[in-house]
Amino acid sequence: MKRFGPLLVILTGLVLASCAGNDEKADEVQNVSDAYTKAQEAIAQSNYRRGIQIFEAIQARFPFSELSRKIQLELMHAYYSSGQREQAIDAADTFMRENPTHPSVDYALYIKALSYFETGPGMLERWFRKDTTKRPPKELELSYATLRRLVERFPASEYAPDAEQRMVYIKNRLAQYENHVADYYYRRGAYVAALRRAKSALEQFNGAEGNMRSLQIMANSYDKLGMTDLADDARRVLAANFPNEG
């Protein structure tokens, strides 16, 4: 995760600009700087609750400042790392809305995408080992869209390589879900619906691991509909792309 540099100059400017000539404020400058450091140390030690409390307190004292923007970035990281996904997404959205041209917009997109990406199955699903690939992947769709936005807007970002790898995984997962739905329709005799869903999966997620299954469902659905020529076409494409999996 991105870390942020020393803030003593910023902190000094914020305090002394409003309190110039007041010697008592020298200690306050140091206290704010110390508080920022303590918050970073708490988060580094996984004491997220304490770190978040300190950052939020400092931010409340210095809203609409460069310090506040830096704390927003720190809080994104802290919320995400502590499992507070919704707060991380809200913090990222707020930062991007208020600072659309800031150099760290790519980081905000990355944190937002990771927060959606890691919104995993609930405890009961994990306990009973339920097949979560059959669950509508709403969060993954949002993660994919956010990662794609990151890669397209910031191709040279340090987060782009990881974003691209995650997009491959998500594409496979989304294609798998679409095939589950198409197969559901097929097994219930809704061949037109099955065909449309499988075809959509093939077009939207070209190159995904599930493409083979999509073609199989398409070929079988065409057969059931009496569309022999189209069924043969689908099988030819299947054989050409997956020669060992007819």
C-alpha atoms as a PDB file:
ATOM      1  CA  MET A   1       0.000   0.000   0.000  1.00  0.00           C
ATOM      2  CA  LYS A   2       1.080   3.524  -0.679  1.00  0.00           C
ATOM      3  CA  ARG A   3       2.628   5.425   2.170  1.00  0.00           C
ATOM      4  CA  PHE A   4       2.791   9.193   2.471  1.00  0.00           C
ATOM      5  CA  GLY A   5       5.783  11.359   3.216  1.00  0.00           C
ATOM      6  CA  PRO A   6       6.624  13.667   6.155  1.00  0.00           C
ATOM      7  CA  LEU A   7       3.999  16.271   6.900  1.00  0.00           C
ATOM      8  CA  LEU A   8       5.780  18.574   9.331  1.00  0.00           C
ATOM      9  CA  VAL A   9       5.998  21.433   6.818  1.00  0.00           C
ATOM     10  CA  ILE A  10       2.294  21.122   5.975  1.00  0.00           C
ATOM     11  CA  LEU A  11       1.308  20.858   9.620  1.00  0.00           C
ATOM     12  CA  THR A  12       3.434  23.858  10.545  1.00  0.00           C
ATOM     13  CA  GLY A  13       1.890  25.969   7.813  1.00  0.00           C
ATOM     14  CA  LEU A  14      -1.646  25.008   8.782  1.00  0.00           C
ATOM     15  CA  VAL A  15      -1.212  25.971  12.408  1.00  0.00           C
ATOM     16  CA  LEU A  16       1.007  29.041  12.098  1.00  0.00           C
ATOM     17  CA  ALA A  17      -1.006  30.541   9.238  1.00  0.00           C
ATOM     18  CA  SER A  18      -3.928  31.029  11.608  1.00  0.00           C
ATOM     19  CA  CYS A  19      -1.897  31.635  14.743  1.00  0.00           C
ATOM     20  CA  ALA A  20       1.170  33.576  13.646  1.00  0.00           C
ATOM     21  CA  GLY A  21       3.186  35.062  16.472  1.00  0.00           C
ATOM     22  CA  ASN A  22       1.686  32.822  19.124  1.00  0.00           C
ATOM     23  CA  ASP A  23       4.552  30.950  20.789  1.00  0.00           C
ATOM     24  CA  GLU A  24       2.154  28.575  22.472  1.00  0.00           C
ATOM     25  CA  LYS A  25       1.292  27.108  19.095  1.00  0.00           C
ATOM     26  CA  ALA A  26       4.772  25.666  18.655  1.00  0.00           C
ATOM     27  CA  ASP A  27       3.811  22.779  20.913  1.00  0.00           C
ATOM     28  CA  GLU A  28       0.557  22.322  18.988  1.00  0.00           C
ATOM     29  CA  VAL A  29       2.487  21.924  15.731  1.00  0.00           C
ATOM     30  CA  GLN A  30       4.576  19.199  17.272  1.00  0.00           C
ATOM     31  CA  ASN A  31       1.506  17.557  18.824  1.00  0.00           C
ATOM     32  CA  VAL A  32      -0.322  17.334  15.503  1.00  0.00           C
ATOM     33  CA  SER A  33       2.763  15.925  13.816  1.00  0.00           C
ATOM     34  CA  ASP A  34       3.182  13.416  16.640  1.00  0.00           C
ATOM     35  CA  ALA A  35      -0.475  12.455  16.422  1.00  0.00           C
ATOM     36  CA  TYR A  36      -0.134  11.792  12.692  1.00  0.00           C
ATOM     37  CA  THR A  37       2.911   9.603  13.334  1.00  0.00           C
ATOM     38  CA  LYS A  38       1.117   7.742  16.135  1.00  0.00           C
ATOM     39  CA  ALA A  39      -1.815   7.033  13.822  1.00  0.00           C
ATOM     40  CA  GLN A  40       0.502   5.635  11.175  1.00  0.00           C
ATOM     41  CA  GLU A  41       2.286   3.495  13.753  1.00  0.00           C
ATOM     42  CA  ALA A  42      -1.015   2.174  15.122  1.00  0.00           C
ATOM     43  CA  ILE A  43      -2.149   1.129  11.665  1.00  0.00           C
ATOM     44  CA  ALA A  44       1.220  -0.464  10.908  1.00  0.00           C
ATOM     45  CA  GLN A  45       0.678  -2.551  14.051  1.00  0.00           C
ATOM     46  CA  SER A  46      -2.851  -3.466  12.881  1.00  0.00           C
ATOM     47  CA  ASN A  47      -4.424  -1.329  15.601  1.00  0.00           C
ATOM     48  CA  TYR A  48      -6.815   0.084  13.037  1.00  0.00           C
ATOM     49  CA  ARG A  49      -9.398   1.355  15.465  1.00  0.00           C
ATOM     50  CA  ARG A  50      -6.875   3.582  17.220  1.00  0.00           C
ATOM     51  CA  GLY A  51      -5.262   4.784  14.002  1.00  0.00           C
ATOM     52  CA  ILE A  52      -8.610   5.624  12.433  1.00  0.00           C
ATOM     53  CA  GLN A  53      -9.731   7.513  15.526  1.00  0.00           C
ATOM     54  CA  ILE A  54      -6.625   9.693  15.466  1.00  0.00           C
ATOM     55  CA  PHE A  55      -6.783  10.383  11.736  1.00  0.00           C
ATOM     56  CA  GLU A  56     -10.470  11.268  11.911  1.00  0.00           C
ATOM     57  CA  ALA A  57      -9.796  13.645  14.817  1.00  0.00           C
ATOM     58  CA  ILE A  58      -7.007  15.432  12.937  1.00  0.00           C
ATOM     59  CA  GLN A  59      -9.122  15.646   9.799  1.00  0.00           C
ATOM     60  CA  ALA A  60     -11.964  17.233  11.748  1.00  0.00           C
ATOM     61  CA  ARG A  61      -9.568  19.992  12.880  1.00  0.00           C
ATOM     62  CA  PHE A  62      -8.143  20.705   9.423  1.00  0.00           C
ATOM     63  CA  PRO A  63     -10.875  20.149   6.819  1.00  0.00           C
ATOM     64  CA  PHE A  64     -10.422  21.223   3.203  1.00  0.00           C
ATOM     65  CA  SER A  65      -6.624  21.256   3.425  1.00  0.00           C
ATOM     66  CA  GLU A  66      -3.763  19.321   1.898  1.00  0.00           C
ATOM     67  CA  LEU A  67      -3.422  17.578   5.240  1.00  0.00           C
ATOM     68  CA  SER A  68      -7.067  16.526   5.037  1.00  0.00           C
ATOM     69  CA  ARG A  69      -6.490  15.057   1.575  1.00  0.00           C
ATOM     70  CA  LYS A  70      -3.522  13.055   2.823  1.00  0.00           C
ATOM     71  CA  ILE A  71      -5.554  11.786   5.736  1.00  0.00           C
ATOM     72  CA  GLN A  72      -8.320  10.748   3.354  1.00  0.00           C
ATOM     73  CA  LEU A  73      -5.787   8.530   1.599  1.00  0.00           C
ATOM     74  CA  GLU A  74      -4.553   7.144   4.899  1.00  0.00           C
ATOM     75  CA  LEU A  75      -8.122   6.414   5.987  1.00  0.00           C
ATOM     76  CA  MET A  76      -8.896   4.578   2.732  1.00  0.00           C
ATOM     77  CA  HIS A  77      -6.012   2.246   3.494  1.00  0.00           C
ATOM     78  CA  ALA A  78      -7.028   1.841   7.144  1.00  0.00           C
ATOM     79  CA  TYR A  79     -10.699   1.175   6.369  1.00  0.00           C
ATOM     80  CA  TYR A  80      -9.802  -1.347   3.680  1.00  0.00           C
ATOM     81  CA  SER A  81      -7.170  -3.125   5.779  1.00  0.00           C
ATOM     82  CA  SER A  82      -9.526  -3.387   8.769  1.00  0.00           C
ATOM     83  CA  GLY A  83     -12.290  -4.942   6.674  1.00  0.00           C
ATOM     84  CA  GLN A  84     -14.512  -1.856   6.645  1.00  0.00           C
ATOM     85  CA  ARG A  85     -15.182  -2.143   2.918  1.00  0.00           C
ATOM     86  CA  GLU A  86     -18.132   0.240   2.678  1.00  0.00           C
ATOM     87  CA  GLN A  87     -16.254   2.973   4.512  1.00  0.00           C
ATOM     88  CA  ALA A  88     -13.241   2.460   2.234  1.00  0.00           C
ATOM     89  CA  ILE A  89     -15.440   2.786  -0.862  1.00  0.00           C
ATOM     90  CA  ASP A  90     -17.156   5.887   0.514  1.00  0.00           C
ATOM     91  CA  ALA A  91     -13.780   7.452   1.374  1.00  0.00           C
ATOM     92  CA  ALA A  92     -12.442   6.704  -2.108  1.00  0.00           C
ATOM     93  CA  ASP A  93     -15.536   8.158  -3.794  1.00  0.00           C
ATOM     94  CA  THR A  94     -15.388  11.278  -1.634  1.00  0.00           C
ATOM     95  CA  PHE A  95     -11.709  11.786  -2.397  1.00  0.00           C
ATOM     96  CA  MET A  96     -12.213  11.423  -6.167  1.00  0.00           C
ATOM     97  CA  ARG A  97     -15.233  13.699  -6.159  1.00  0.00           C
ATOM     98  CA  GLU A  98     -13.412  16.430  -4.249  1.00  0.00           C
ATOM     99  CA  ASN A  99     -10.020  15.976  -5.973  1.00  0.00           C
ATOM    100  CA  PRO A 100     -10.667  14.786  -9.537  1.00  0.00           C
ATOM    101  CA  THR A 101      -7.190  15.762 -10.782  1.00  0.00           C
ATOM    102  CA  HIS A 102      -5.157  14.707  -7.748  1.00  0.00           C
ATOM    103  CA  PRO A 103      -2.115  12.492  -8.495  1.00  0.00           C
ATOM    104  CA  SER A 104      -3.482   9.798  -6.157  1.00  0.00           C
ATOM    105  CA  VAL A 105      -6.791   9.250  -7.940  1.00  0.00           C
ATOM    106  CA  ASP A 106      -5.368   5.975  -9.261  1.00  0.00           C
ATOM    107  CA  TYR A 107      -4.804   4.853  -5.666  1.00  0.00           C
ATOM    108  CA  ALA A 108      -8.379   5.743  -4.734  1.00  0.00           C
ATOM    109  CA  LEU A 109      -9.669   3.705  -7.684  1.00  0.00           C
ATOM    110  CA  TYR A 110      -7.456   0.802  -6.653  1.00  0.00           C
ATOM    111  CA  ILE A 111      -8.694   0.796  -3.052  1.00  0.00           C
ATOM    112  CA  LYS A 112     -12.301   1.051  -4.235  1.00  0.00           C
ATOM    113  CA  ALA A 113     -11.832  -1.872  -6.628  1.00  0.00           C
ATOM    114  CA  LEU A 114     -10.123  -4.015  -3.966  1.00  0.00           C
ATOM    115  CA  SER A 115     -12.917  -3.280  -1.518  1.00  0.00           C
ATOM    116  CA  TYR A 116     -15.502  -4.582  -3.980  1.00  0.00           C
ATOM    117  CA  PHE A 117     -13.220  -7.460  -4.993  1.00  0.00           C
ATOM    118  CA  GLU A 118     -12.786  -8.719  -1.445  1.00  0.00           C
ATOM    119  CA  THR A 119     -16.403  -8.478  -0.376  1.00  0.00           C
ATOM    120  CA  GLY A 120     -16.480 -12.251  -0.023  1.00  0.00           C
ATOM    121  CA  PRO A 121     -19.132 -14.779   0.963  1.00  0.00           C
ATOM    122  CA  GLY A 122     -20.704 -14.593   4.374  1.00  0.00           C
ATOM    123  CA  MET A 123     -19.702 -16.747   7.321  1.00  0.00           C
ATOM    124  CA  LEU A 124     -22.516 -19.277   6.859  1.00  0.00           C
ATOM    125  CA  GLU A 125     -21.663 -19.730   3.185  1.00  0.00           C
ATOM    126  CA  ARG A 126     -18.021 -20.401   4.061  1.00  0.00           C
ATOM    127  CA  TRP A 127     -18.983 -22.682   6.959  1.00  0.00           C
ATOM    128  CA  PHE A 128     -21.234 -24.870   4.819  1.00  0.00           C
ATOM    129  CA  ARG A 129     -18.905 -24.608   1.806  1.00  0.00           C
ATOM    130  CA  LYS A 130     -21.640 -23.340  -0.438  1.00  0.00           C
ATOM    131  CA  ASP A 131     -20.667 -22.858  -4.086  1.00  0.00           C
ATOM    132  CA  THR A 132     -20.505 -19.069  -4.192  1.00  0.00           C
ATOM    133  CA  THR A 133     -19.805 -19.081  -7.943  1.00  0.00           C
ATOM    134  CA  LYS A 134     -23.560 -19.530  -8.355  1.00  0.00           C
ATOM    135  CA  ARG A 135     -24.298 -16.325  -6.465  1.00  0.00           C
ATOM    136  CA  PRO A 136     -24.921 -13.142  -8.500  1.00  0.00           C
ATOM    137  CA  PRO A 137     -21.483 -11.472  -8.620  1.00  0.00           C
ATOM    138  CA  LYS A 138     -22.663  -7.886  -8.162  1.00  0.00           C
ATOM    139  CA  GLU A 139     -19.595  -6.793  -6.197  1.00  0.00           C
ATOM    140  CA  LEU A 140     -17.235  -8.388  -8.717  1.00  0.00           C
ATOM    141  CA  GLU A 141     -18.963  -6.570 -11.555  1.00  0.00           C
ATOM    142  CA  LEU A 142     -18.396  -3.287  -9.715  1.00  0.00           C
ATOM    143  CA  SER A 143     -14.782  -4.255  -9.031  1.00  0.00           C
ATOM    144  CA  TYR A 144     -14.230  -5.114 -12.692  1.00  0.00           C
ATOM    145  CA  ALA A 145     -15.673  -1.782 -13.844  1.00  0.00           C
ATOM    146  CA  THR A 146     -13.485   0.118 -11.364  1.00  0.00           C
ATOM    147  CA  LEU A 147     -10.335  -1.800 -12.291  1.00  0.00           C
ATOM    148  CA  ARG A 148     -11.031  -1.215 -15.962  1.00  0.00           C
ATOM    149  CA  ARG A 149     -11.415   2.497 -15.296  1.00  0.00           C
ATOM    150  CA  LEU A 150      -8.071   2.485 -13.466  1.00  0.00           C
ATOM    151  CA  VAL A 151      -6.239   0.682 -16.269  1.00  0.00           C
ATOM    152  CA  GLU A 152      -7.751   2.827 -19.010  1.00  0.00           C
ATOM    153  CA  ARG A 153      -7.181   6.168 -17.263  1.00  0.00           C
ATOM    154  CA  PHE A 154      -3.815   5.370 -15.704  1.00  0.00           C
ATOM    155  CA  PRO A 155      -2.056   2.686 -17.774  1.00  0.00           C
ATOM    156  CA  ALA A 156       1.326   3.666 -16.268  1.00  0.00           C
ATOM    157  CA  SER A 157       0.069   3.483 -12.672  1.00  0.00           C
ATOM    158  CA  GLU A 158       1.970   1.258 -10.275  1.00  0.00           C
ATOM    159  CA  TYR A 159      -1.367  -0.421  -9.558  1.00  0.00           C
ATOM    160  CA  ALA A 160      -2.186  -1.215 -13.198  1.00  0.00           C
ATOM    161  CA  PRO A 161      -0.360  -4.587 -13.393  1.00  0.00           C
ATOM    162  CA  ASP A 162      -2.195  -5.989 -10.382  1.00  0.00           C
ATOM    163  CA  ALA A 163      -5.457  -4.513 -11.678  1.00  0.00           C
ATOM    164  CA  GLU A 164      -5.016  -6.331 -14.982  1.00  0.00           C
ATOM    165  CA  GLN A 165      -4.401  -9.659 -13.234  1.00  0.00           C
ATOM    166  CA  ARG A 166      -7.489  -9.230 -11.105  1.00  0.00           C
ATOM    167  CA  MET A 167      -9.529  -8.374 -14.200  1.00  0.00           C
ATOM    168  CA  VAL A 168      -8.580 -11.737 -15.734  1.00  0.00           C
ATOM    169  CA  TYR A 169      -9.790 -13.546 -12.619  1.00  0.00           C
ATOM    170  CA  ILE A 170     -13.018 -11.548 -12.495  1.00  0.00           C
ATOM    171  CA  LYS A 171     -13.716 -12.124 -16.182  1.00  0.00           C
ATOM    172  CA  ASN A 172     -13.453 -15.873 -15.616  1.00  0.00           C
ATOM    173  CA  ARG A 173     -15.714 -15.651 -12.564  1.00  0.00           C
ATOM    174  CA  LEU A 174     -18.358 -13.600 -14.377  1.00  0.00           C
ATOM    175  CA  ALA A 175     -18.328 -15.946 -17.364  1.00  0.00           C
ATOM    176  CA  GLN A 176     -18.742 -18.882 -14.994  1.00  0.00           C
ATOM    177  CA  TYR A 177     -21.802 -17.298 -13.404  1.00  0.00           C
ATOM    178  CA  GLU A 178     -23.369 -16.538 -16.783  1.00  0.00           C
ATOM    179  CA  ASN A 179     -22.886 -20.180 -17.734  1.00  0.00           C
ATOM    180  CA  HIS A 180     -24.563 -21.287 -14.509  1.00  0.00           C
ATOM    181  CA  VAL A 181     -27.598 -19.221 -15.437  1.00  0.00           C
ATOM    182  CA  ALA A 182     -27.584 -20.433 -19.051  1.00  0.00           C
ATOM    183  CA  ASP A 183     -27.349 -24.047 -17.886  1.00  0.00           C
ATOM    184  CA  TYR A 184     -30.218 -23.446 -15.462  1.00  0.00           C
ATOM    185  CA  TYR A 185     -32.420 -22.289 -18.345  1.00  0.00           C
ATOM    186  CA  TYR A 186     -31.294 -25.165 -20.539  1.00  0.00           C
ATOM    187  CA  ARG A 187     -32.111 -27.844 -17.958  1.00  0.00           C
ATOM    188  CA  ARG A 188     -35.615 -26.392 -17.630  1.00  0.00           C
ATOM    189  CA  GLY A 189     -36.281 -26.367 -21.341  1.00  0.00           C
ATOM    190  CA  ALA A 190     -35.974 -22.599 -21.790  1.00  0.00           C
ATOM    191  CA  TYR A 191     -33.620 -23.035 -24.742  1.00  0.00           C
ATOM    192  CA  VAL A 192     -33.971 -19.532 -26.186  1.00  0.00           C
ATOM    193  CA  ALA A 193     -33.105 -17.976 -22.811  1.00  0.00           C
ATOM    194  CA  ALA A 194     -30.197 -20.409 -22.397  1.00  0.00           C
ATOM    195  CA  LEU A 195     -28.910 -19.542 -25.853  1.00  0.00           C
ATOM    196  CA  ARG A 196     -29.084 -15.808 -25.229  1.00  0.00           C
ATOM    197  CA  ARG A 197     -27.292 -16.061 -21.892  1.00  0.00           C
ATOM    198  CA  ALA A 198     -24.514 -18.291 -23.229  1.00  0.00           C
ATOM    199  CA  LYS A 199     -24.050 -16.091 -26.288  1.00  0.00           C
ATOM    200  CA  SER A 200     -23.896 -12.995 -24.084  1.00  0.00           C
ATOM    201  CA  ALA A 201     -21.254 -14.645 -21.878  1.00  0.00           C
ATOM    202  CA  LEU A 202     -19.184 -15.484 -24.943  1.00  0.00           C
ATOM    203  CA  GLU A 203     -19.379 -11.954 -26.343  1.00  0.00           C
ATOM    204  CA  GLN A 204     -18.819 -10.074 -23.059  1.00  0.00           C
ATOM    205  CA  PHE A 205     -16.066 -12.294 -21.696  1.00  0.00           C
ATOM    206  CA  ASN A 206     -14.179 -13.353 -24.790  1.00  0.00           C
ATOM    207  CA  GLY A 207     -11.026 -15.194 -23.775  1.00  0.00           C
ATOM    208  CA  ALA A 208     -12.407 -16.392 -20.448  1.00  0.00           C
ATOM    209  CA  GLU A 209     -12.011 -19.974 -19.323  1.00  0.00           C
ATOM    210  CA  GLY A 210     -15.778 -20.414 -19.498  1.00  0.00           C
ATOM    211  CA  ASN A 211     -15.929 -19.821 -23.267  1.00  0.00           C
ATOM    212  CA  MET A 212     -15.842 -23.554 -23.929  1.00  0.00           C
ATOM    213  CA  ARG A 213     -18.902 -24.185 -21.765  1.00  0.00           C
ATOM    214  CA  SER A 214     -20.725 -21.249 -23.374  1.00  0.00           C
ATOM    215  CA  LEU A 215     -20.201 -22.771 -26.822  1.00  0.00           C
ATOM    216  CA  GLN A 216     -21.392 -26.160 -25.619  1.00  0.00           C
ATOM    217  CA  ILE A 217     -24.601 -24.668 -24.227  1.00  0.00           C
ATOM    218  CA  MET A 218     -25.129 -22.736 -27.456  1.00  0.00           C
ATOM    219  CA  ALA A 219     -24.681 -25.838 -29.613  1.00  0.00           C
ATOM    220  CA  ASN A 220     -27.009 -27.909 -27.443  1.00  0.00           C
ATOM    221  CA  SER A 221     -29.635 -25.163 -27.348  1.00  0.00           C
ATOM    222  CA  TYR A 222     -29.580 -24.809 -31.139  1.00  0.00           C
ATOM    223  CA  ASP A 223     -30.081 -28.564 -31.386  1.00  0.00           C
ATOM    224  CA  LYS A 224     -33.122 -28.436 -29.130  1.00  0.00           C
ATOM    225  CA  LEU A 225     -34.541 -25.590 -31.202  1.00  0.00           C
ATOM    226  CA  GLY A 226     -34.018 -27.546 -34.418  1.00  0.00           C
ATOM    227  CA  MET A 227     -31.438 -25.082 -35.730  1.00  0.00           C
ATOM    228  CA  THR A 228     -29.003 -27.698 -36.986  1.00  0.00           C
ATOM    229  CA  ASP A 229     -26.837 -25.426 -39.105  1.00  0.00           C
ATOM    230  CA  LEU A 230     -26.241 -23.016 -36.235  1.00  0.00           C
ATOM    231  CA  ALA A 231     -25.543 -25.924 -33.890  1.00  0.00           C
ATOM    232  CA  ASP A 232     -22.924 -27.204 -36.351  1.00  0.00           C
ATOM    233  CA  ASP A 233     -21.386 -23.730 -36.578  1.00  0.00           C
ATOM    234  CA  ALA A 234     -21.089 -23.532 -32.794  1.00  0.00           C
ATOM    235  CA  ARG A 235     -19.424 -26.937 -32.665  1.00  0.00           C
ATOM    236  CA  ARG A 236     -16.966 -25.963 -35.392  1.00  0.00           C
ATOM    237  CA  VAL A 237     -15.958 -22.902 -33.370  1.00  0.00           C
ATOM    238  CA  LEU A 238     -15.724 -25.134 -30.288  1.00  0.00           C
ATOM    239  CA  ALA A 239     -13.485 -27.650 -32.070  1.00  0.00           C
ATOM    240  CA  ALA A 240     -11.260 -24.925 -33.511  1.00  0.00           C
ATOM    241  CA  ASN A 241     -10.691 -23.259 -30.148  1.00  0.00           C
ATOM    242  CA  PHE A 242     -10.818 -26.288 -27.867  1.00  0.00           C
ATOM    243  CA  PRO A 243      -9.644 -29.226 -29.997  1.00  0.00           C
ATOM    244  CA  ASN A 244      -9.402 -31.619 -27.063  1.00  0.00           C
ATOM    245  CA  GLU A 245     -12.774 -30.757 -25.563  1.00  0.00           C
ATOM    246  CA  GLY A 246     -15.369 -31.349 -28.220  1.00  0.00           C
END
